[in-house]
Amino acid sequence: MKNNTYNNLGIGIISIASVLNNVKTISIDNVFLIIPFFTHQELLAYLGNANSDVKSIEQLISHKVNCFSNYNKRYFDSLILTLNSIQYLIDMEYAILKNGKLQLRKELPYDEKMGKRAKKIYKASNNVAKLFADKASNLYLNLKVEL
């Protein structure tokens, strides 16, 4: 299965919206870090597990180091998808971009018609949202995103 069809606009929208449902406001630089967390099956399964309690990016990386070996590639592969997902959320009035932050206007609730993958994303979104309490510079550094 090709990555660009598997990780489509619907998955991008659900990924960003599910995290935004939890945090309500997120800096635009951090928005670009969201989709790569949900595009790795093992990491998605771990984050969606009810027993997983993510405290920090450092803790997550140390527990699941193998899930981050290609994070930089996933980051760059998802840039266009992230931009399109942000644009959709703004156009459909789920979010607004203000002062360099994406802000929730109305929640995009989970519906079982979205499918099993969306359910996994919604389950994992709380753990991913916890990571964004940290500064973007620390997240980019720990995730080894090469800018």
N, C-alpha and C. Protein backbone atom coordinates (compact mmCIF):
# COMPACT_ATOMS: atom_id res chain seq x y z
N MET A 1 0.84 -1.17 0.00
CA MET A 1 0.00 0.00 0.00
C MET A 1 0.90 1.24 0.00
N LYS A 2 0.60 2.18 -0.84
CA LYS A 2 1.41 3.40 -0.93
C LYS A 2 1.11 4.33 0.24
N ASN A 3 2.17 4.95 0.73
CA ASN A 3 2.08 5.85 1.87
C ASN A 3 1.15 7.03 1.59
N ASN A 4 1.20 7.58 0.37
CA ASN A 4 0.42 8.78 0.09
C ASN A 4 -1.08 8.52 0.00
N THR A 5 -1.51 7.29 -0.24
CA THR A 5 -2.94 7.00 -0.22
C THR A 5 -3.39 6.51 1.15
N TYR A 6 -2.50 5.85 1.85
CA TYR A 6 -2.83 5.34 3.19
C TYR A 6 -2.94 6.50 4.18
N ASN A 7 -2.05 7.45 4.06
CA ASN A 7 -2.07 8.63 4.92
C ASN A 7 -2.68 9.79 4.12
N ASN A 8 -3.98 9.73 3.96
CA ASN A 8 -4.68 10.69 3.12
C ASN A 8 -5.20 11.89 3.91
N LEU A 9 -5.91 12.75 3.22
CA LEU A 9 -6.41 13.97 3.84
C LEU A 9 -7.32 13.67 5.04
N GLY A 10 -8.14 12.64 4.93
CA GLY A 10 -9.02 12.29 6.04
C GLY A 10 -8.24 11.95 7.30
N ILE A 11 -7.17 11.17 7.14
CA ILE A 11 -6.34 10.79 8.28
C ILE A 11 -5.63 12.03 8.84
N GLY A 12 -5.17 12.91 7.97
CA GLY A 12 -4.53 14.14 8.43
C GLY A 12 -5.47 15.02 9.23
N ILE A 13 -6.68 15.18 8.73
CA ILE A 13 -7.68 16.00 9.41
C ILE A 13 -8.02 15.40 10.77
N ILE A 14 -8.25 14.10 10.80
CA ILE A 14 -8.60 13.43 12.05
C ILE A 14 -7.45 13.53 13.05
N SER A 15 -6.22 13.37 12.58
CA SER A 15 -5.05 13.44 13.46
C SER A 15 -4.94 14.80 14.13
N ILE A 16 -4.99 15.85 13.34
CA ILE A 16 -4.85 17.20 13.89
C ILE A 16 -6.06 17.56 14.75
N ALA A 17 -7.26 17.26 14.26
CA ALA A 17 -8.48 17.61 15.01
C ALA A 17 -8.55 16.88 16.34
N SER A 18 -8.14 15.62 16.37
CA SER A 18 -8.24 14.87 17.63
C SER A 18 -7.31 15.44 18.69
N VAL A 19 -6.12 15.88 18.28
CA VAL A 19 -5.21 16.52 19.24
C VAL A 19 -5.75 17.89 19.63
N LEU A 20 -6.24 18.63 18.65
CA LEU A 20 -6.80 19.96 18.93
C LEU A 20 -8.01 19.86 19.86
N ASN A 21 -8.79 18.81 19.75
CA ASN A 21 -9.92 18.60 20.68
C ASN A 21 -9.43 18.54 22.12
N ASN A 22 -8.22 18.03 22.33
CA ASN A 22 -7.65 17.89 23.67
C ASN A 22 -6.99 19.16 24.18
N VAL A 23 -6.24 19.86 23.32
CA VAL A 23 -5.44 20.99 23.78
C VAL A 23 -6.08 22.35 23.53
N LYS A 24 -7.03 22.41 22.62
CA LYS A 24 -7.79 23.62 22.26
C LYS A 24 -6.97 24.64 21.47
N THR A 25 -5.69 24.82 21.75
CA THR A 25 -4.81 25.74 21.03
C THR A 25 -3.44 25.10 20.94
N ILE A 26 -2.84 25.20 19.74
CA ILE A 26 -1.50 24.63 19.55
C ILE A 26 -0.73 25.51 18.57
N SER A 27 0.54 25.73 18.87
CA SER A 27 1.35 26.56 17.98
C SER A 27 1.49 25.87 16.63
N ILE A 28 1.55 26.66 15.59
CA ILE A 28 1.58 26.12 14.23
C ILE A 28 2.81 25.23 14.01
N ASP A 29 3.94 25.56 14.64
CA ASP A 29 5.12 24.70 14.48
C ASP A 29 4.91 23.33 15.10
N ASN A 30 4.14 23.26 16.17
CA ASN A 30 3.83 21.97 16.77
C ASN A 30 2.80 21.18 15.97
N VAL A 31 1.91 21.87 15.26
CA VAL A 31 0.91 21.18 14.44
C VAL A 31 1.61 20.26 13.44
N PHE A 32 2.75 20.71 12.91
CA PHE A 32 3.47 19.92 11.91
C PHE A 32 4.09 18.65 12.49
N LEU A 33 4.14 18.54 13.80
CA LEU A 33 4.68 17.34 14.44
C LEU A 33 3.62 16.26 14.69
N ILE A 34 2.35 16.59 14.53
CA ILE A 34 1.26 15.68 14.91
C ILE A 34 1.16 14.45 14.01
N ILE A 35 1.01 14.64 12.73
CA ILE A 35 0.73 13.52 11.82
C ILE A 35 1.79 12.42 11.89
N PRO A 36 3.08 12.74 11.98
CA PRO A 36 4.07 11.64 12.06
C PRO A 36 3.89 10.71 13.27
N PHE A 37 3.24 11.18 14.33
CA PHE A 37 2.96 10.29 15.46
C PHE A 37 1.91 9.24 15.09
N PHE A 38 0.98 9.62 14.24
CA PHE A 38 -0.13 8.73 13.89
C PHE A 38 0.13 7.89 12.64
N THR A 39 1.22 8.14 11.95
CA THR A 39 1.50 7.39 10.73
C THR A 39 2.45 6.23 10.95
N HIS A 40 2.77 5.94 12.17
CA HIS A 40 3.62 4.79 12.52
C HIS A 40 2.74 3.82 13.31
N GLN A 41 2.45 2.66 12.73
CA GLN A 41 1.47 1.73 13.33
C GLN A 41 1.83 1.30 14.74
N GLU A 42 3.09 0.96 14.98
CA GLU A 42 3.49 0.51 16.31
C GLU A 42 3.35 1.63 17.34
N LEU A 43 3.77 2.82 16.96
CA LEU A 43 3.65 3.97 17.86
C LEU A 43 2.19 4.32 18.12
N LEU A 44 1.37 4.26 17.09
CA LEU A 44 -0.06 4.52 17.24
C LEU A 44 -0.69 3.52 18.20
N ALA A 45 -0.33 2.25 18.06
CA ALA A 45 -0.87 1.22 18.95
C ALA A 45 -0.44 1.47 20.40
N TYR A 46 0.81 1.84 20.60
CA TYR A 46 1.32 2.11 21.94
C TYR A 46 0.61 3.31 22.56
N LEU A 47 0.51 4.40 21.80
CA LEU A 47 -0.11 5.62 22.31
C LEU A 47 -1.60 5.44 22.58
N GLY A 48 -2.25 4.55 21.83
CA GLY A 48 -3.67 4.32 22.01
C GLY A 48 -4.00 3.30 23.08
N ASN A 49 -2.99 2.65 23.62
CA ASN A 49 -3.19 1.66 24.67
C ASN A 49 -3.58 2.38 25.97
N ALA A 50 -4.63 1.91 26.61
CA ALA A 50 -5.11 2.55 27.84
C ALA A 50 -4.07 2.53 28.96
N ASN A 51 -3.14 1.58 28.90
CA ASN A 51 -2.10 1.49 29.93
C ASN A 51 -0.91 2.40 29.68
N SER A 52 -0.85 3.01 28.52
CA SER A 52 0.27 3.90 28.19
C SER A 52 0.01 5.27 28.80
N ASP A 53 0.97 5.74 29.57
CA ASP A 53 0.86 7.06 30.18
C ASP A 53 2.10 7.85 29.80
N VAL A 54 1.95 8.70 28.81
CA VAL A 54 3.07 9.48 28.30
C VAL A 54 3.26 10.71 29.16
N LYS A 55 4.46 10.87 29.69
CA LYS A 55 4.77 12.00 30.56
C LYS A 55 5.55 13.09 29.83
N SER A 56 6.44 12.67 28.92
CA SER A 56 7.27 13.63 28.20
C SER A 56 7.77 12.99 26.91
N ILE A 57 8.28 13.82 26.03
CA ILE A 57 8.83 13.31 24.78
C ILE A 57 10.07 12.46 25.05
N GLU A 58 10.86 12.85 26.02
CA GLU A 58 12.06 12.08 26.37
C GLU A 58 11.69 10.68 26.84
N GLN A 59 10.68 10.60 27.69
CA GLN A 59 10.23 9.30 28.20
C GLN A 59 9.68 8.44 27.07
N LEU A 60 8.89 9.02 26.20
CA LEU A 60 8.31 8.28 25.09
C LEU A 60 9.39 7.74 24.16
N ILE A 61 10.36 8.57 23.82
CA ILE A 61 11.44 8.14 22.94
C ILE A 61 12.26 7.04 23.58
N SER A 62 12.53 7.15 24.88
CA SER A 62 13.32 6.12 25.55
C SER A 62 12.58 4.78 25.63
N HIS A 63 11.25 4.81 25.73
CA HIS A 63 10.46 3.57 25.78
C HIS A 63 10.25 2.96 24.40
N LYS A 64 10.17 3.80 23.37
CA LYS A 64 9.85 3.32 22.03
C LYS A 64 10.87 3.86 21.01
N VAL A 65 12.14 3.71 21.30
CA VAL A 65 13.20 4.29 20.46
C VAL A 65 13.09 3.84 19.00
N ASN A 66 12.71 2.59 18.77
CA ASN A 66 12.60 2.09 17.40
C ASN A 66 11.51 2.79 16.59
N CYS A 67 10.55 3.39 17.25
CA CYS A 67 9.47 4.10 16.56
C CYS A 67 9.88 5.48 16.07
N PHE A 68 11.07 5.93 16.45
CA PHE A 68 11.50 7.27 16.10
C PHE A 68 12.68 7.31 15.14
N SER A 69 13.12 6.15 14.69
CA SER A 69 14.29 6.10 13.81
C SER A 69 14.03 6.80 12.47
N ASN A 70 12.79 6.82 12.01
CA ASN A 70 12.48 7.48 10.74
C ASN A 70 11.50 8.65 10.93
N TYR A 71 11.45 9.22 12.12
CA TYR A 71 10.53 10.32 12.39
C TYR A 71 10.80 11.50 11.47
N ASN A 72 12.05 11.84 11.24
CA ASN A 72 12.39 12.96 10.38
C ASN A 72 11.81 12.76 8.97
N LYS A 73 11.91 11.56 8.44
CA LYS A 73 11.35 11.25 7.11
C LYS A 73 9.83 11.38 7.14
N ARG A 74 9.20 10.83 8.17
CA ARG A 74 7.74 10.93 8.28
C ARG A 74 7.31 12.40 8.38
N TYR A 75 8.11 13.19 9.09
CA TYR A 75 7.82 14.62 9.23
C TYR A 75 7.78 15.29 7.85
N PHE A 76 8.83 15.10 7.07
CA PHE A 76 8.90 15.75 5.75
C PHE A 76 7.89 15.16 4.78
N ASP A 77 7.60 13.87 4.88
CA ASP A 77 6.58 13.25 4.03
C ASP A 77 5.19 13.80 4.32
N SER A 78 4.97 14.31 5.52
CA SER A 78 3.63 14.76 5.91
C SER A 78 3.43 16.27 5.81
N LEU A 79 4.41 17.02 5.34
CA LEU A 79 4.27 18.48 5.31
C LEU A 79 3.08 18.95 4.48
N ILE A 80 2.94 18.44 3.27
CA ILE A 80 1.84 18.87 2.40
C ILE A 80 0.50 18.42 2.99
N LEU A 81 0.47 17.19 3.48
CA LEU A 81 -0.75 16.67 4.12
C LEU A 81 -1.14 17.55 5.31
N THR A 82 -0.17 17.97 6.09
CA THR A 82 -0.44 18.83 7.24
C THR A 82 -1.02 20.16 6.79
N LEU A 83 -0.41 20.78 5.78
CA LEU A 83 -0.92 22.06 5.27
C LEU A 83 -2.35 21.92 4.76
N ASN A 84 -2.62 20.88 3.99
CA ASN A 84 -3.97 20.67 3.46
C ASN A 84 -4.97 20.40 4.57
N SER A 85 -4.56 19.66 5.58
CA SER A 85 -5.44 19.36 6.72
C SER A 85 -5.77 20.62 7.51
N ILE A 86 -4.77 21.45 7.74
CA ILE A 86 -4.99 22.73 8.43
C ILE A 86 -5.98 23.58 7.63
N GLN A 87 -5.74 23.67 6.33
CA GLN A 87 -6.62 24.48 5.48
C GLN A 87 -8.06 23.97 5.52
N TYR A 88 -8.23 22.66 5.49
CA TYR A 88 -9.58 22.09 5.56
C TYR A 88 -10.24 22.44 6.89
N LEU A 89 -9.52 22.25 7.99
CA LEU A 89 -10.09 22.54 9.31
C LEU A 89 -10.49 24.01 9.43
N ILE A 90 -9.71 24.90 8.83
CA ILE A 90 -10.05 26.33 8.85
C ILE A 90 -11.25 26.60 7.94
N ASP A 91 -11.22 26.06 6.72
CA ASP A 91 -12.33 26.29 5.77
C ASP A 91 -13.66 25.76 6.29
N MET A 92 -13.62 24.65 7.01
CA MET A 92 -14.85 24.03 7.52
C MET A 92 -15.20 24.55 8.92
N GLU A 93 -14.46 25.57 9.36
CA GLU A 93 -14.70 26.28 10.62
C GLU A 93 -14.57 25.42 11.87
N TYR A 94 -13.67 24.42 11.79
CA TYR A 94 -13.33 23.65 12.99
C TYR A 94 -12.19 24.33 13.74
N ALA A 95 -11.43 25.16 13.04
CA ALA A 95 -10.27 25.82 13.66
C ALA A 95 -10.08 27.19 13.04
N ILE A 96 -9.28 27.98 13.71
CA ILE A 96 -8.90 29.30 13.22
C ILE A 96 -7.41 29.46 13.48
N LEU A 97 -6.72 30.13 12.58
CA LEU A 97 -5.30 30.42 12.74
C LEU A 97 -5.18 31.86 13.21
N LYS A 98 -4.61 32.03 14.41
CA LYS A 98 -4.53 33.36 14.99
C LYS A 98 -3.23 33.48 15.78
N ASN A 99 -2.44 34.50 15.47
CA ASN A 99 -1.18 34.76 16.17
C ASN A 99 -0.25 33.55 16.21
N GLY A 100 -0.15 32.85 15.10
CA GLY A 100 0.75 31.71 15.00
C GLY A 100 0.28 30.46 15.72
N LYS A 101 -1.01 30.44 16.08
CA LYS A 101 -1.56 29.28 16.78
C LYS A 101 -2.83 28.81 16.07
N LEU A 102 -2.99 27.50 16.03
CA LEU A 102 -4.22 26.91 15.53
C LEU A 102 -5.13 26.73 16.74
N GLN A 103 -6.31 27.35 16.67
CA GLN A 103 -7.24 27.32 17.79
C GLN A 103 -8.52 26.59 17.41
N LEU A 104 -9.01 25.80 18.32
CA LEU A 104 -10.24 25.06 18.12
C LEU A 104 -11.43 26.00 18.11
N ARG A 105 -12.29 25.88 17.10
CA ARG A 105 -13.55 26.62 17.06
C ARG A 105 -14.70 25.72 17.46
N LYS A 106 -14.67 24.50 16.93
CA LYS A 106 -15.66 23.49 17.33
C LYS A 106 -15.01 22.12 17.17
N GLU A 107 -15.38 21.21 18.04
CA GLU A 107 -14.77 19.89 18.03
C GLU A 107 -15.22 19.08 16.82
N LEU A 108 -14.31 18.25 16.35
CA LEU A 108 -14.62 17.26 15.33
C LEU A 108 -14.74 15.94 16.09
N PRO A 109 -15.96 15.53 16.43
CA PRO A 109 -16.13 14.34 17.26
C PRO A 109 -15.87 13.06 16.47
N TYR A 110 -15.50 12.02 17.21
CA TYR A 110 -15.31 10.72 16.58
C TYR A 110 -16.67 10.11 16.27
N ASP A 111 -16.76 9.49 15.10
CA ASP A 111 -17.94 8.75 14.69
C ASP A 111 -17.46 7.41 14.19
N GLU A 112 -18.12 6.34 14.58
CA GLU A 112 -17.67 5.00 14.18
C GLU A 112 -17.62 4.82 12.67
N LYS A 113 -18.34 5.64 11.92
CA LYS A 113 -18.30 5.57 10.45
C LYS A 113 -16.94 6.01 9.90
N MET A 114 -16.13 6.66 10.74
CA MET A 114 -14.79 7.10 10.33
C MET A 114 -13.84 5.91 10.16
N GLY A 115 -14.15 4.81 10.81
CA GLY A 115 -13.35 3.60 10.66
C GLY A 115 -12.47 3.28 11.85
N LYS A 116 -11.84 2.12 11.75
CA LYS A 116 -11.02 1.61 12.84
C LYS A 116 -9.76 2.43 13.06
N ARG A 117 -9.15 2.88 11.98
CA ARG A 117 -7.92 3.67 12.14
C ARG A 117 -8.21 4.99 12.84
N ALA A 118 -9.31 5.62 12.49
CA ALA A 118 -9.70 6.87 13.15
C ALA A 118 -9.95 6.63 14.64
N LYS A 119 -10.53 5.50 14.97
CA LYS A 119 -10.76 5.17 16.38
C LYS A 119 -9.44 5.07 17.13
N LYS A 120 -8.45 4.44 16.50
CA LYS A 120 -7.12 4.33 17.12
C LYS A 120 -6.50 5.72 17.31
N ILE A 121 -6.66 6.58 16.32
CA ILE A 121 -6.12 7.94 16.40
C ILE A 121 -6.77 8.70 17.55
N TYR A 122 -8.09 8.63 17.64
CA TYR A 122 -8.79 9.32 18.73
C TYR A 122 -8.36 8.80 20.09
N LYS A 123 -8.16 7.49 20.20
CA LYS A 123 -7.71 6.91 21.47
C LYS A 123 -6.31 7.41 21.85
N ALA A 124 -5.45 7.54 20.86
CA ALA A 124 -4.06 7.94 21.10
C ALA A 124 -3.90 9.46 21.26
N SER A 125 -4.88 10.22 20.84
CA SER A 125 -4.73 11.68 20.80
C SER A 125 -4.46 12.32 22.15
N ASN A 126 -5.00 11.77 23.21
CA ASN A 126 -4.75 12.33 24.54
C ASN A 126 -3.28 12.24 24.90
N ASN A 127 -2.66 11.09 24.62
CA ASN A 127 -1.23 10.95 24.91
C ASN A 127 -0.38 11.85 24.03
N VAL A 128 -0.75 11.99 22.77
CA VAL A 128 0.01 12.89 21.89
C VAL A 128 -0.17 14.33 22.35
N ALA A 129 -1.37 14.69 22.73
CA ALA A 129 -1.63 16.06 23.19
C ALA A 129 -0.78 16.44 24.39
N LYS A 130 -0.51 15.49 25.28
CA LYS A 130 0.32 15.76 26.46
C LYS A 130 1.72 16.23 26.07
N LEU A 131 2.21 15.75 24.94
CA LEU A 131 3.57 16.11 24.51
C LEU A 131 3.69 17.59 24.16
N PHE A 132 2.58 18.20 23.75
CA PHE A 132 2.63 19.57 23.28
C PHE A 132 2.58 20.61 24.38
N ALA A 133 2.66 20.16 25.62
CA ALA A 133 2.85 21.09 26.74
C ALA A 133 4.29 21.60 26.72
N ASP A 134 5.16 20.84 26.07
CA ASP A 134 6.58 21.18 25.95
C ASP A 134 6.78 22.23 24.85
N LYS A 135 7.88 22.96 24.90
CA LYS A 135 8.20 23.96 23.88
C LYS A 135 8.53 23.27 22.56
N ALA A 136 8.18 23.93 21.47
CA ALA A 136 8.43 23.39 20.14
C ALA A 136 9.91 23.11 19.93
N SER A 137 10.78 24.00 20.40
CA SER A 137 12.21 23.81 20.19
C SER A 137 12.71 22.51 20.84
N ASN A 138 12.19 22.18 22.01
CA ASN A 138 12.56 20.94 22.69
C ASN A 138 12.03 19.72 21.94
N LEU A 139 10.80 19.81 21.44
CA LEU A 139 10.22 18.71 20.69
C LEU A 139 11.01 18.44 19.40
N TYR A 140 11.28 19.50 18.66
CA TYR A 140 12.03 19.34 17.40
C TYR A 140 13.43 18.77 17.67
N LEU A 141 14.05 19.23 18.73
CA LEU A 141 15.38 18.74 19.10
C LEU A 141 15.35 17.24 19.45
N ASN A 142 14.45 16.86 20.31
CA ASN A 142 14.34 15.46 20.75
C ASN A 142 13.89 14.53 19.63
N LEU A 143 13.06 15.02 18.74
CA LEU A 143 12.58 14.20 17.63
C LEU A 143 13.58 14.17 16.46
N LYS A 144 14.64 14.97 16.60
CA LYS A 144 15.71 15.04 15.60
C LYS A 144 15.19 15.43 14.21
N VAL A 145 14.30 16.42 14.20
CA VAL A 145 13.80 16.94 12.93
C VAL A 145 14.87 17.88 12.40
N GLU A 146 15.34 17.61 11.20
CA GLU A 146 16.39 18.42 10.58
C GLU A 146 15.77 19.54 9.75
N LEU A 147 15.88 20.75 10.25
CA LEU A 147 15.33 21.91 9.55
C LEU A 147 16.40 22.64 8.77
